[in-house]
């Protein structure tokens, strides 16, 4: 696993990674800056962030499939908060600072 990825155990071991281009894709989806996005998030926002972090490794992944992965993750004993903390860690690696998504 590369230094800029964070492993996430879901249906299988998956690696979250946010590159500069991924961050731009996220801003385009949200029509907001990363700073605006990370202030407060909806469930849809969280799914979109996770989708963008996983799609580099799974080109066939869709947002709907990502939502199913989130549901399975929680059904198998994980918590949504843990999931968002993992997304936050991957964001921190991408941004090189503490401007990661809020896990509140």
N, C-alpha and C. Protein backbone atom coordinates (compact mmCIF):
# COMPACT_ATOMS: atom_id res chain seq x y z
N UNK A 1 0.85 -1.18 0.00
CA UNK A 1 0.00 0.00 0.00
C UNK A 1 0.89 1.24 0.00
N UNK A 2 0.56 2.14 -0.86
CA UNK A 2 1.33 3.38 -0.96
C UNK A 2 1.13 4.23 0.29
N UNK A 3 2.07 5.12 0.53
CA UNK A 3 2.04 5.97 1.71
C UNK A 3 0.83 6.91 1.74
N UNK A 4 0.25 7.23 0.60
CA UNK A 4 -0.86 8.18 0.58
C UNK A 4 -2.23 7.50 0.56
N UNK A 5 -2.29 6.22 0.92
CA UNK A 5 -3.56 5.52 1.01
C UNK A 5 -3.82 5.11 2.46
N UNK A 6 -5.09 4.87 2.74
CA UNK A 6 -5.51 4.38 4.06
C UNK A 6 -6.37 3.15 3.82
N UNK A 7 -6.00 2.04 4.45
CA UNK A 7 -6.74 0.79 4.28
C UNK A 7 -8.05 0.83 5.04
N UNK A 8 -9.08 0.29 4.40
CA UNK A 8 -10.41 0.22 4.99
C UNK A 8 -10.94 -1.18 4.73
N UNK A 9 -11.28 -1.89 5.78
CA UNK A 9 -11.81 -3.25 5.65
C UNK A 9 -13.31 -3.16 5.47
N UNK A 10 -13.77 -3.47 4.27
CA UNK A 10 -15.20 -3.45 3.97
C UNK A 10 -15.59 -4.84 3.51
N UNK A 11 -16.13 -4.98 2.30
CA UNK A 11 -16.41 -6.30 1.75
C UNK A 11 -15.11 -7.06 1.50
N UNK A 12 -14.05 -6.28 1.36
CA UNK A 12 -12.68 -6.78 1.22
C UNK A 12 -11.78 -5.62 1.65
N UNK A 13 -10.51 -5.85 1.69
CA UNK A 13 -9.59 -4.75 2.01
C UNK A 13 -9.62 -3.76 0.86
N UNK A 14 -9.95 -2.52 1.16
CA UNK A 14 -9.98 -1.47 0.15
C UNK A 14 -9.06 -0.35 0.62
N UNK A 15 -8.55 0.39 -0.34
CA UNK A 15 -7.61 1.47 -0.03
C UNK A 15 -8.19 2.81 -0.48
N UNK A 16 -8.37 3.69 0.49
CA UNK A 16 -8.83 5.05 0.20
C UNK A 16 -7.64 5.89 -0.24
N UNK A 17 -7.85 6.65 -1.29
CA UNK A 17 -6.80 7.56 -1.74
C UNK A 17 -7.45 8.77 -2.40
N UNK A 18 -6.99 9.94 -1.99
CA UNK A 18 -7.46 11.19 -2.58
C UNK A 18 -6.26 11.89 -3.20
N UNK A 19 -6.28 12.03 -4.51
CA UNK A 19 -5.23 12.75 -5.22
C UNK A 19 -5.72 14.17 -5.48
N UNK A 20 -4.85 14.99 -6.02
CA UNK A 20 -5.24 16.36 -6.37
C UNK A 20 -6.42 16.34 -7.34
N UNK A 21 -6.36 15.48 -8.33
CA UNK A 21 -7.47 15.38 -9.30
C UNK A 21 -8.74 14.88 -8.65
N UNK A 22 -8.62 13.96 -7.71
CA UNK A 22 -9.80 13.48 -7.00
C UNK A 22 -10.45 14.62 -6.21
N UNK A 23 -9.63 15.43 -5.57
CA UNK A 23 -10.17 16.56 -4.81
C UNK A 23 -10.90 17.55 -5.73
N UNK A 24 -10.38 17.74 -6.92
CA UNK A 24 -11.07 18.61 -7.89
C UNK A 24 -12.39 17.98 -8.31
N UNK A 25 -12.41 16.67 -8.55
CA UNK A 25 -13.65 15.97 -8.89
C UNK A 25 -14.69 16.15 -7.79
N UNK A 26 -14.25 16.06 -6.55
CA UNK A 26 -15.16 16.24 -5.41
C UNK A 26 -15.72 17.66 -5.41
N UNK A 27 -14.86 18.66 -5.60
CA UNK A 27 -15.34 20.04 -5.65
C UNK A 27 -16.34 20.24 -6.79
N UNK A 28 -16.10 19.61 -7.92
CA UNK A 28 -17.03 19.73 -9.05
C UNK A 28 -18.37 19.07 -8.73
N UNK A 29 -18.36 17.90 -8.09
CA UNK A 29 -19.60 17.23 -7.71
C UNK A 29 -20.42 18.07 -6.74
N UNK A 30 -19.74 18.68 -5.78
CA UNK A 30 -20.42 19.45 -4.75
C UNK A 30 -20.68 20.90 -5.15
N UNK A 31 -19.95 21.37 -6.17
CA UNK A 31 -19.98 22.78 -6.54
C UNK A 31 -19.62 23.67 -5.36
N UNK A 32 -18.66 23.19 -4.55
CA UNK A 32 -18.15 23.90 -3.38
C UNK A 32 -16.66 23.58 -3.26
N UNK A 33 -15.97 24.40 -2.48
CA UNK A 33 -14.57 24.11 -2.21
C UNK A 33 -14.48 23.00 -1.17
N UNK A 34 -13.31 22.38 -1.07
CA UNK A 34 -13.09 21.34 -0.06
C UNK A 34 -13.37 21.89 1.33
N UNK A 35 -12.93 23.11 1.61
CA UNK A 35 -13.15 23.72 2.92
C UNK A 35 -14.65 23.84 3.23
N UNK A 36 -15.44 24.21 2.24
CA UNK A 36 -16.89 24.33 2.44
C UNK A 36 -17.53 22.97 2.66
N UNK A 37 -17.03 21.97 1.96
CA UNK A 37 -17.60 20.63 2.05
C UNK A 37 -17.37 20.03 3.43
N UNK A 38 -16.18 20.23 3.97
CA UNK A 38 -15.82 19.56 5.21
C UNK A 38 -16.44 20.18 6.45
N UNK A 39 -17.11 21.30 6.30
CA UNK A 39 -17.75 21.95 7.45
C UNK A 39 -18.85 21.11 8.06
N UNK A 40 -19.77 20.65 7.26
CA UNK A 40 -20.84 19.75 7.72
C UNK A 40 -21.28 18.93 6.52
N UNK A 41 -21.57 17.66 6.78
CA UNK A 41 -21.88 16.76 5.68
C UNK A 41 -23.20 16.04 5.89
N UNK A 42 -23.86 15.77 4.78
CA UNK A 42 -25.05 14.93 4.79
C UNK A 42 -24.60 13.49 4.50
N UNK A 43 -25.52 12.57 4.58
CA UNK A 43 -25.21 11.17 4.24
C UNK A 43 -24.79 11.08 2.77
N UNK A 44 -25.47 11.83 1.92
CA UNK A 44 -25.12 11.84 0.49
C UNK A 44 -23.69 12.34 0.30
N UNK A 45 -23.33 13.39 1.04
CA UNK A 45 -21.97 13.92 0.96
C UNK A 45 -20.95 12.86 1.36
N UNK A 46 -21.24 12.17 2.47
CA UNK A 46 -20.32 11.15 2.97
C UNK A 46 -20.14 10.03 1.94
N UNK A 47 -21.24 9.60 1.33
CA UNK A 47 -21.17 8.56 0.30
C UNK A 47 -20.33 9.03 -0.88
N UNK A 48 -20.52 10.28 -1.29
CA UNK A 48 -19.77 10.82 -2.41
C UNK A 48 -18.28 10.88 -2.10
N UNK A 49 -17.93 11.31 -0.89
CA UNK A 49 -16.52 11.37 -0.51
C UNK A 49 -15.89 9.98 -0.51
N UNK A 50 -16.60 9.01 0.04
CA UNK A 50 -16.08 7.65 0.07
C UNK A 50 -15.95 7.10 -1.35
N UNK A 51 -16.95 7.33 -2.17
CA UNK A 51 -16.92 6.89 -3.57
C UNK A 51 -15.67 7.41 -4.28
N UNK A 52 -15.42 8.69 -4.15
CA UNK A 52 -14.26 9.27 -4.83
C UNK A 52 -12.94 8.71 -4.29
N UNK A 53 -12.91 8.38 -3.01
CA UNK A 53 -11.70 7.83 -2.43
C UNK A 53 -11.43 6.39 -2.81
N UNK A 54 -12.48 5.67 -3.21
CA UNK A 54 -12.34 4.26 -3.56
C UNK A 54 -12.27 3.99 -5.05
N UNK A 55 -12.80 4.88 -5.87
CA UNK A 55 -12.95 4.58 -7.30
C UNK A 55 -11.62 4.41 -8.04
N UNK A 56 -10.53 4.96 -7.53
CA UNK A 56 -9.23 4.81 -8.19
C UNK A 56 -8.82 3.35 -8.26
N UNK A 57 -9.26 2.58 -7.27
CA UNK A 57 -8.87 1.18 -7.17
C UNK A 57 -9.91 0.24 -7.78
N UNK A 58 -11.15 0.71 -7.92
CA UNK A 58 -12.25 -0.10 -8.44
C UNK A 58 -13.01 0.73 -9.47
N UNK A 59 -12.59 0.65 -10.71
CA UNK A 59 -13.14 1.50 -11.77
C UNK A 59 -14.62 1.24 -12.04
N UNK A 60 -15.15 0.08 -11.64
CA UNK A 60 -16.56 -0.24 -11.87
C UNK A 60 -17.47 0.23 -10.73
N UNK A 61 -16.87 0.76 -9.68
CA UNK A 61 -17.63 1.21 -8.52
C UNK A 61 -18.55 2.37 -8.89
N UNK A 62 -19.77 2.33 -8.37
CA UNK A 62 -20.73 3.42 -8.55
C UNK A 62 -21.07 4.01 -7.18
N UNK A 63 -21.75 5.13 -7.18
CA UNK A 63 -22.16 5.73 -5.91
C UNK A 63 -23.17 4.81 -5.19
N UNK A 64 -24.06 4.19 -5.94
CA UNK A 64 -25.02 3.27 -5.34
C UNK A 64 -24.30 2.08 -4.70
N UNK A 65 -23.32 1.53 -5.39
CA UNK A 65 -22.54 0.43 -4.83
C UNK A 65 -21.81 0.88 -3.57
N UNK A 66 -21.32 2.11 -3.56
CA UNK A 66 -20.65 2.65 -2.39
C UNK A 66 -21.61 2.74 -1.22
N UNK A 67 -22.84 3.15 -1.47
CA UNK A 67 -23.85 3.18 -0.41
C UNK A 67 -24.10 1.80 0.15
N UNK A 68 -24.13 0.80 -0.72
CA UNK A 68 -24.31 -0.59 -0.26
C UNK A 68 -23.12 -1.03 0.59
N UNK A 69 -21.91 -0.63 0.20
CA UNK A 69 -20.73 -0.97 1.00
C UNK A 69 -20.81 -0.35 2.38
N UNK A 70 -21.30 0.88 2.45
CA UNK A 70 -21.45 1.55 3.74
C UNK A 70 -22.46 0.79 4.61
N UNK A 71 -23.59 0.41 4.02
CA UNK A 71 -24.61 -0.35 4.76
C UNK A 71 -24.04 -1.66 5.28
N UNK A 72 -23.32 -2.39 4.43
CA UNK A 72 -22.71 -3.66 4.83
C UNK A 72 -21.69 -3.45 5.94
N UNK A 73 -20.92 -2.39 5.82
CA UNK A 73 -19.90 -2.07 6.83
C UNK A 73 -20.55 -1.91 8.20
N UNK A 74 -21.64 -1.17 8.25
CA UNK A 74 -22.34 -0.92 9.52
C UNK A 74 -23.03 -2.20 10.00
N UNK A 75 -23.65 -2.94 9.08
CA UNK A 75 -24.31 -4.19 9.45
C UNK A 75 -23.32 -5.21 10.03
N UNK A 76 -22.07 -5.14 9.62
CA UNK A 76 -21.05 -6.07 10.08
C UNK A 76 -20.30 -5.58 11.31
N UNK A 77 -20.83 -4.56 11.98
CA UNK A 77 -20.27 -4.13 13.25
C UNK A 77 -19.46 -2.85 13.23
N UNK A 78 -19.17 -2.32 12.05
CA UNK A 78 -18.47 -1.04 11.98
C UNK A 78 -19.43 0.09 12.28
N UNK A 79 -18.90 1.24 12.59
CA UNK A 79 -19.78 2.38 12.83
C UNK A 79 -19.55 3.43 11.75
N UNK A 80 -20.57 4.22 11.52
CA UNK A 80 -20.45 5.29 10.54
C UNK A 80 -19.37 6.27 10.96
N UNK A 81 -19.28 6.52 12.26
CA UNK A 81 -18.25 7.43 12.76
C UNK A 81 -16.86 6.91 12.45
N UNK A 82 -16.61 5.62 12.67
CA UNK A 82 -15.31 5.02 12.35
C UNK A 82 -15.00 5.16 10.86
N UNK A 83 -16.01 4.94 10.05
CA UNK A 83 -15.85 5.05 8.61
C UNK A 83 -15.44 6.46 8.22
N UNK A 84 -16.11 7.46 8.79
CA UNK A 84 -15.80 8.85 8.46
C UNK A 84 -14.44 9.26 9.02
N UNK A 85 -14.04 8.69 10.14
CA UNK A 85 -12.70 8.96 10.66
C UNK A 85 -11.64 8.43 9.71
N UNK A 86 -11.90 7.27 9.10
CA UNK A 86 -10.96 6.71 8.13
C UNK A 86 -10.90 7.59 6.88
N UNK A 87 -12.05 8.07 6.44
CA UNK A 87 -12.08 9.01 5.31
C UNK A 87 -11.28 10.26 5.68
N UNK A 88 -11.45 10.73 6.90
CA UNK A 88 -10.71 11.90 7.38
C UNK A 88 -9.21 11.69 7.35
N UNK A 89 -8.76 10.50 7.73
CA UNK A 89 -7.32 10.19 7.69
C UNK A 89 -6.80 10.24 6.26
N UNK A 90 -7.57 9.69 5.33
CA UNK A 90 -7.14 9.70 3.93
C UNK A 90 -7.12 11.13 3.39
N UNK A 91 -8.09 11.94 3.79
CA UNK A 91 -8.12 13.34 3.38
C UNK A 91 -6.91 14.07 3.91
N UNK A 92 -6.58 13.83 5.16
CA UNK A 92 -5.43 14.47 5.78
C UNK A 92 -4.16 14.14 5.01
N UNK A 93 -4.01 12.89 4.60
CA UNK A 93 -2.84 12.50 3.82
C UNK A 93 -2.80 13.25 2.49
N UNK A 94 -3.97 13.42 1.88
CA UNK A 94 -4.03 14.10 0.58
C UNK A 94 -3.74 15.59 0.71
N UNK A 95 -4.25 16.19 1.77
CA UNK A 95 -4.12 17.64 1.94
C UNK A 95 -2.85 18.03 2.69
N UNK A 96 -2.27 17.09 3.40
CA UNK A 96 -1.07 17.39 4.16
C UNK A 96 -1.30 18.31 5.33
N UNK A 97 -2.54 18.37 5.80
CA UNK A 97 -2.87 19.20 6.97
C UNK A 97 -4.09 18.64 7.67
N UNK A 98 -4.66 19.38 8.56
CA UNK A 98 -5.79 18.89 9.35
C UNK A 98 -7.15 19.31 8.79
N UNK A 99 -7.21 19.63 7.50
CA UNK A 99 -8.47 20.07 6.89
C UNK A 99 -9.30 18.88 6.42
N UNK A 100 -9.37 17.86 7.25
CA UNK A 100 -10.12 16.66 6.90
C UNK A 100 -11.61 16.85 7.20
N UNK A 101 -12.47 16.02 6.60
CA UNK A 101 -13.90 16.12 6.86
C UNK A 101 -14.21 15.92 8.33
N UNK A 102 -15.18 16.65 8.82
CA UNK A 102 -15.60 16.55 10.21
C UNK A 102 -16.23 15.19 10.47
N UNK A 103 -15.97 14.62 11.64
CA UNK A 103 -16.59 13.35 12.01
C UNK A 103 -17.63 13.55 13.09
N UNK A 104 -18.14 14.75 13.20
CA UNK A 104 -19.16 15.05 14.22
C UNK A 104 -20.47 14.42 13.84
